[in-house]
């Protein structure tokens, strides 16, 4: 897979999901996403997929 998809999620969506999962303060404190665990990143992707599926179902 190409690195062209590196920023597939908008920053706004990442921040919204991070807030929902309770890791936004860590991201803000650390100044980036580097210390967010891979498990949490996977949970963020799962949440983003759920949001996209809901949006597709609602029109």
PDB file of N, CA and C in Angstrom:
ATOM      1  N   UNK A   1       0.842  -1.179   0.000  1.00  0.00           N
ATOM      2  CA  UNK A   1       0.000   0.000   0.000  1.00  0.00           C
ATOM      3  C   UNK A   1       0.883   1.236   0.000  1.00  0.00           C
ATOM      4  N   UNK A   2       0.456   2.220  -0.670  1.00  0.00           N
ATOM      5  CA  UNK A   2       1.175   3.480  -0.817  1.00  0.00           C
ATOM      6  C   UNK A   2       1.035   4.359   0.410  1.00  0.00           C
ATOM      7  N   UNK A   3       1.989   5.229   0.638  1.00  0.00           N
ATOM      8  CA  UNK A   3       1.918   6.193   1.735  1.00  0.00           C
ATOM      9  C   UNK A   3       0.980   7.347   1.429  1.00  0.00           C
ATOM     10  N   UNK A   4       0.337   7.340   0.278  1.00  0.00           N
ATOM     11  CA  UNK A   4      -0.583   8.414  -0.081  1.00  0.00           C
ATOM     12  C   UNK A   4      -1.781   8.474   0.849  1.00  0.00           C
ATOM     13  N   UNK A   5      -2.049   7.402   1.565  1.00  0.00           N
ATOM     14  CA  UNK A   5      -3.201   7.360   2.470  1.00  0.00           C
ATOM     15  C   UNK A   5      -2.815   7.685   3.900  1.00  0.00           C
ATOM     16  N   UNK A   6      -1.654   8.214   4.091  1.00  0.00           N
ATOM     17  CA  UNK A   6      -1.153   8.497   5.435  1.00  0.00           C
ATOM     18  C   UNK A   6      -2.118   9.372   6.217  1.00  0.00           C
ATOM     19  N   UNK A   7      -2.745  10.336   5.581  1.00  0.00           N
ATOM     20  CA  UNK A   7      -3.653  11.256   6.260  1.00  0.00           C
ATOM     21  C   UNK A   7      -5.090  11.039   5.800  1.00  0.00           C
ATOM     22  N   UNK A   8      -5.541   9.794   5.857  1.00  0.00           N
ATOM     23  CA  UNK A   8      -6.880   9.467   5.377  1.00  0.00           C
ATOM     24  C   UNK A   8      -7.976  10.094   6.235  1.00  0.00           C
ATOM     25  N   UNK A   9      -7.704  10.312   7.531  1.00  0.00           N
ATOM     26  CA  UNK A   9      -8.674  10.950   8.422  1.00  0.00           C
ATOM     27  C   UNK A   9      -8.304  12.410   8.597  1.00  0.00           C
ATOM     28  N   UNK A  10      -9.302  13.261   8.583  1.00  0.00           N
ATOM     29  CA  UNK A  10      -9.042  14.678   8.832  1.00  0.00           C
ATOM     30  C   UNK A  10      -8.614  14.870  10.287  1.00  0.00           C
ATOM     31  N   UNK A  11      -7.894  15.921  10.536  1.00  0.00           N
ATOM     32  CA  UNK A  11      -7.479  16.223  11.906  1.00  0.00           C
ATOM     33  C   UNK A  11      -8.681  16.432  12.815  1.00  0.00           C
ATOM     34  N   UNK A  12      -9.733  17.035  12.284  1.00  0.00           N
ATOM     35  CA  UNK A  12     -10.931  17.271  13.082  1.00  0.00           C
ATOM     36  C   UNK A  12     -11.558  15.949  13.526  1.00  0.00           C
ATOM     37  N   UNK A  13     -11.626  14.993  12.597  1.00  0.00           N
ATOM     38  CA  UNK A  13     -12.200  13.696  12.934  1.00  0.00           C
ATOM     39  C   UNK A  13     -11.310  12.963  13.938  1.00  0.00           C
ATOM     40  N   UNK A  14     -10.003  13.013  13.740  1.00  0.00           N
ATOM     41  CA  UNK A  14      -9.082  12.383  14.698  1.00  0.00           C
ATOM     42  C   UNK A  14      -9.280  12.954  16.093  1.00  0.00           C
ATOM     43  N   UNK A  15      -9.370  14.279  16.182  1.00  0.00           N
ATOM     44  CA  UNK A  15      -9.541  14.922  17.486  1.00  0.00           C
ATOM     45  C   UNK A  15     -10.871  14.541  18.119  1.00  0.00           C
ATOM     46  N   UNK A  16     -11.937  14.512  17.319  1.00  0.00           N
ATOM     47  CA  UNK A  16     -13.259  14.152  17.837  1.00  0.00           C
ATOM     48  C   UNK A  16     -13.248  12.729  18.396  1.00  0.00           C
ATOM     49  N   UNK A  17     -12.668  11.809  17.658  1.00  0.00           N
ATOM     50  CA  UNK A  17     -12.622  10.416  18.098  1.00  0.00           C
ATOM     51  C   UNK A  17     -11.706  10.272  19.310  1.00  0.00           C
ATOM     52  N   UNK A  18     -10.578  10.964  19.301  1.00  0.00           N
ATOM     53  CA  UNK A  18      -9.660  10.908  20.449  1.00  0.00           C
ATOM     54  C   UNK A  18     -10.348  11.401  21.712  1.00  0.00           C
ATOM     55  N   UNK A  19     -11.162  12.428  21.576  1.00  0.00           N
ATOM     56  CA  UNK A  19     -11.923  12.921  22.735  1.00  0.00           C
ATOM     57  C   UNK A  19     -12.897  11.866  23.221  1.00  0.00           C
ATOM     58  N   UNK A  20     -13.603  11.210  22.297  1.00  0.00           N
ATOM     59  CA  UNK A  20     -14.557  10.166  22.667  1.00  0.00           C
ATOM     60  C   UNK A  20     -13.862   9.006  23.374  1.00  0.00           C
ATOM     61  N   UNK A  21     -12.647   8.679  22.943  1.00  0.00           N
ATOM     62  CA  UNK A  21     -11.922   7.546  23.524  1.00  0.00           C
ATOM     63  C   UNK A  21     -11.082   7.944  24.731  1.00  0.00           C
ATOM     64  N   UNK A  22     -11.065   9.233  25.044  1.00  0.00           N
ATOM     65  CA  UNK A  22     -10.364   9.700  26.230  1.00  0.00           C
ATOM     66  C   UNK A  22      -8.854   9.820  26.096  1.00  0.00           C
ATOM     67  N   UNK A  23      -8.356   9.946  24.874  1.00  0.00           N
ATOM     68  CA  UNK A  23      -6.903  10.074  24.686  1.00  0.00           C
ATOM     69  C   UNK A  23      -6.489  11.443  24.145  1.00  0.00           C
ATOM     70  N   UNK A  24      -7.455  12.319  23.947  1.00  0.00           N
ATOM     71  CA  UNK A  24      -7.140  13.623  23.362  1.00  0.00           C
ATOM     72  C   UNK A  24      -6.167  14.427  24.227  1.00  0.00           C
ATOM     73  N   UNK A  25      -6.351  14.379  25.537  1.00  0.00           N
ATOM     74  CA  UNK A  25      -5.445  15.135  26.413  1.00  0.00           C
ATOM     75  C   UNK A  25      -4.008  14.646  26.282  1.00  0.00           C
ATOM     76  N   UNK A  26      -3.825  13.332  26.118  1.00  0.00           N
ATOM     77  CA  UNK A  26      -2.488  12.778  25.918  1.00  0.00           C
ATOM     78  C   UNK A  26      -1.880  13.312  24.626  1.00  0.00           C
ATOM     79  N   UNK A  27      -2.663  13.317  23.569  1.00  0.00           N
ATOM     80  CA  UNK A  27      -2.189  13.807  22.274  1.00  0.00           C
ATOM     81  C   UNK A  27      -1.808  15.276  22.388  1.00  0.00           C
ATOM     82  N   UNK A  28      -2.668  16.046  23.022  1.00  0.00           N
ATOM     83  CA  UNK A  28      -2.424  17.479  23.172  1.00  0.00           C
ATOM     84  C   UNK A  28      -1.184  17.734  24.031  1.00  0.00           C
ATOM     85  N   UNK A  29      -1.066  16.994  25.133  1.00  0.00           N
ATOM     86  CA  UNK A  29       0.068  17.160  26.039  1.00  0.00           C
ATOM     87  C   UNK A  29       1.377  16.769  25.365  1.00  0.00           C
ATOM     88  N   UNK A  30       1.351  15.672  24.607  1.00  0.00           N
ATOM     89  CA  UNK A  30       2.561  15.177  23.948  1.00  0.00           C
ATOM     90  C   UNK A  30       2.898  15.959  22.682  1.00  0.00           C
ATOM     91  N   UNK A  31       1.945  16.715  22.187  1.00  0.00           N
ATOM     92  CA  UNK A  31       2.179  17.493  20.971  1.00  0.00           C
ATOM     93  C   UNK A  31       2.093  16.681  19.701  1.00  0.00           C
ATOM     94  N   UNK A  32       1.447  15.542  19.759  1.00  0.00           N
ATOM     95  CA  UNK A  32       1.296  14.725  18.558  1.00  0.00           C
ATOM     96  C   UNK A  32       0.786  13.341  18.871  1.00  0.00           C
ATOM     97  N   UNK A  33       0.722  12.530  17.842  1.00  0.00           N
ATOM     98  CA  UNK A  33       0.127  11.204  17.928  1.00  0.00           C
ATOM     99  C   UNK A  33       1.156  10.116  18.187  1.00  0.00           C
ATOM    100  N   UNK A  34       2.417  10.452  18.288  1.00  0.00           N
ATOM    101  CA  UNK A  34       3.492   9.472  18.395  1.00  0.00           C
ATOM    102  C   UNK A  34       3.405   8.540  19.583  1.00  0.00           C
ATOM    103  N   UNK A  35       2.839   8.964  20.694  1.00  0.00           N
ATOM    104  CA  UNK A  35       2.778   8.130  21.889  1.00  0.00           C
ATOM    105  C   UNK A  35       1.435   7.444  22.086  1.00  0.00           C
ATOM    106  N   UNK A  36       0.558   7.553  21.106  1.00  0.00           N
ATOM    107  CA  UNK A  36      -0.732   6.874  21.187  1.00  0.00           C
ATOM    108  C   UNK A  36      -0.504   5.410  20.801  1.00  0.00           C
ATOM    109  N   UNK A  37      -1.000   4.498  21.625  1.00  0.00           N
ATOM    110  CA  UNK A  37      -0.754   3.074  21.386  1.00  0.00           C
ATOM    111  C   UNK A  37      -1.400   2.603  20.088  1.00  0.00           C
ATOM    112  N   UNK A  38      -0.847   1.528  19.548  1.00  0.00           N
ATOM    113  CA  UNK A  38      -1.407   0.967  18.322  1.00  0.00           C
ATOM    114  C   UNK A  38      -2.825   0.444  18.568  1.00  0.00           C
ATOM    115  N   UNK A  39      -3.094  -0.059  19.767  1.00  0.00           N
ATOM    116  CA  UNK A  39      -4.441  -0.513  20.099  1.00  0.00           C
ATOM    117  C   UNK A  39      -5.427   0.646  20.033  1.00  0.00           C
ATOM    118  N   UNK A  40      -5.034   1.790  20.597  1.00  0.00           N
ATOM    119  CA  UNK A  40      -5.908   2.966  20.559  1.00  0.00           C
ATOM    120  C   UNK A  40      -6.092   3.447  19.133  1.00  0.00           C
ATOM    121  N   UNK A  41      -5.031   3.417  18.339  1.00  0.00           N
ATOM    122  CA  UNK A  41      -5.156   3.814  16.935  1.00  0.00           C
ATOM    123  C   UNK A  41      -6.127   2.889  16.207  1.00  0.00           C
ATOM    124  N   UNK A  42      -6.059   1.604  16.496  1.00  0.00           N
ATOM    125  CA  UNK A  42      -6.997   0.649  15.905  1.00  0.00           C
ATOM    126  C   UNK A  42      -8.423   0.950  16.324  1.00  0.00           C
ATOM    127  N   UNK A  43      -8.605   1.302  17.602  1.00  0.00           N
ATOM    128  CA  UNK A  43      -9.936   1.683  18.080  1.00  0.00           C
ATOM    129  C   UNK A  43     -10.428   2.940  17.378  1.00  0.00           C
ATOM    130  N   UNK A  44      -9.521   3.854  17.087  1.00  0.00           N
ATOM    131  CA  UNK A  44      -9.898   5.080  16.378  1.00  0.00           C
ATOM    132  C   UNK A  44     -10.356   4.753  14.958  1.00  0.00           C
ATOM    133  N   UNK A  45      -9.661   3.849  14.304  1.00  0.00           N
ATOM    134  CA  UNK A  45     -10.047   3.446  12.947  1.00  0.00           C
ATOM    135  C   UNK A  45     -11.415   2.774  12.970  1.00  0.00           C
ATOM    136  N   UNK A  46     -11.621   1.897  13.942  1.00  0.00           N
ATOM    137  CA  UNK A  46     -12.914   1.225  14.076  1.00  0.00           C
ATOM    138  C   UNK A  46     -14.032   2.252  14.251  1.00  0.00           C
ATOM    139  N   UNK A  47     -13.799   3.238  15.099  1.00  0.00           N
ATOM    140  CA  UNK A  47     -14.795   4.282  15.342  1.00  0.00           C
ATOM    141  C   UNK A  47     -15.045   5.095  14.071  1.00  0.00           C
ATOM    142  N   UNK A  48     -13.989   5.406  13.335  1.00  0.00           N
ATOM    143  CA  UNK A  48     -14.138   6.164  12.084  1.00  0.00           C
ATOM    144  C   UNK A  48     -14.964   5.382  11.070  1.00  0.00           C
ATOM    145  N   UNK A  49     -14.756   4.077  11.015  1.00  0.00           N
ATOM    146  CA  UNK A  49     -15.543   3.230  10.105  1.00  0.00           C
ATOM    147  C   UNK A  49     -17.008   3.240  10.524  1.00  0.00           C
ATOM    148  N   UNK A  50     -17.270   3.147  11.823  1.00  0.00           N
ATOM    149  CA  UNK A  50     -18.651   3.214  12.306  1.00  0.00           C
ATOM    150  C   UNK A  50     -19.313   4.522  11.910  1.00  0.00           C
ATOM    151  N   UNK A  51     -18.588   5.629  12.064  1.00  0.00           N
ATOM    152  CA  UNK A  51     -19.117   6.953  11.697  1.00  0.00           C
ATOM    153  C   UNK A  51     -19.405   7.004  10.202  1.00  0.00           C
ATOM    154  N   UNK A  52     -18.497   6.488   9.390  1.00  0.00           N
ATOM    155  CA  UNK A  52     -18.684   6.501   7.931  1.00  0.00           C
ATOM    156  C   UNK A  52     -19.874   5.633   7.532  1.00  0.00           C
ATOM    157  N   UNK A  53     -20.031   4.485   8.170  1.00  0.00           N
ATOM    158  CA  UNK A  53     -21.172   3.624   7.862  1.00  0.00           C
ATOM    159  C   UNK A  53     -22.489   4.287   8.219  1.00  0.00           C
ATOM    160  N   UNK A  54     -22.539   4.964   9.370  1.00  0.00           N
ATOM    161  CA  UNK A  54     -23.757   5.682   9.757  1.00  0.00           C
ATOM    162  C   UNK A  54     -24.077   6.772   8.751  1.00  0.00           C
ATOM    163  N   UNK A  55     -23.045   7.509   8.328  1.00  0.00           N
ATOM    164  CA  UNK A  55     -23.253   8.592   7.369  1.00  0.00           C
ATOM    165  C   UNK A  55     -23.773   8.040   6.037  1.00  0.00           C
ATOM    166  N   UNK A  56     -23.244   6.897   5.622  1.00  0.00           N
ATOM    167  CA  UNK A  56     -23.678   6.298   4.355  1.00  0.00           C
ATOM    168  C   UNK A  56     -25.124   5.815   4.458  1.00  0.00           C
ATOM    169  N   UNK A  57     -25.510   5.290   5.606  1.00  0.00           N
ATOM    170  CA  UNK A  57     -26.884   4.817   5.794  1.00  0.00           C
ATOM    171  C   UNK A  57     -27.883   5.962   5.852  1.00  0.00           C
ATOM    172  N   UNK A  58     -27.425   7.111   6.362  1.00  0.00           N
ATOM    173  CA  UNK A  58     -28.326   8.258   6.511  1.00  0.00           C
ATOM    174  C   UNK A  58     -28.379   9.141   5.268  1.00  0.00           C
ATOM    175  N   UNK A  59     -27.701   8.761   4.242  1.00  0.00           N
ATOM    176  CA  UNK A  59     -27.836   9.511   3.013  1.00  0.00           C
ATOM    177  C   UNK A  59     -26.597  10.147   2.586  1.00  0.00           C
TER     178      UNK A  59
END
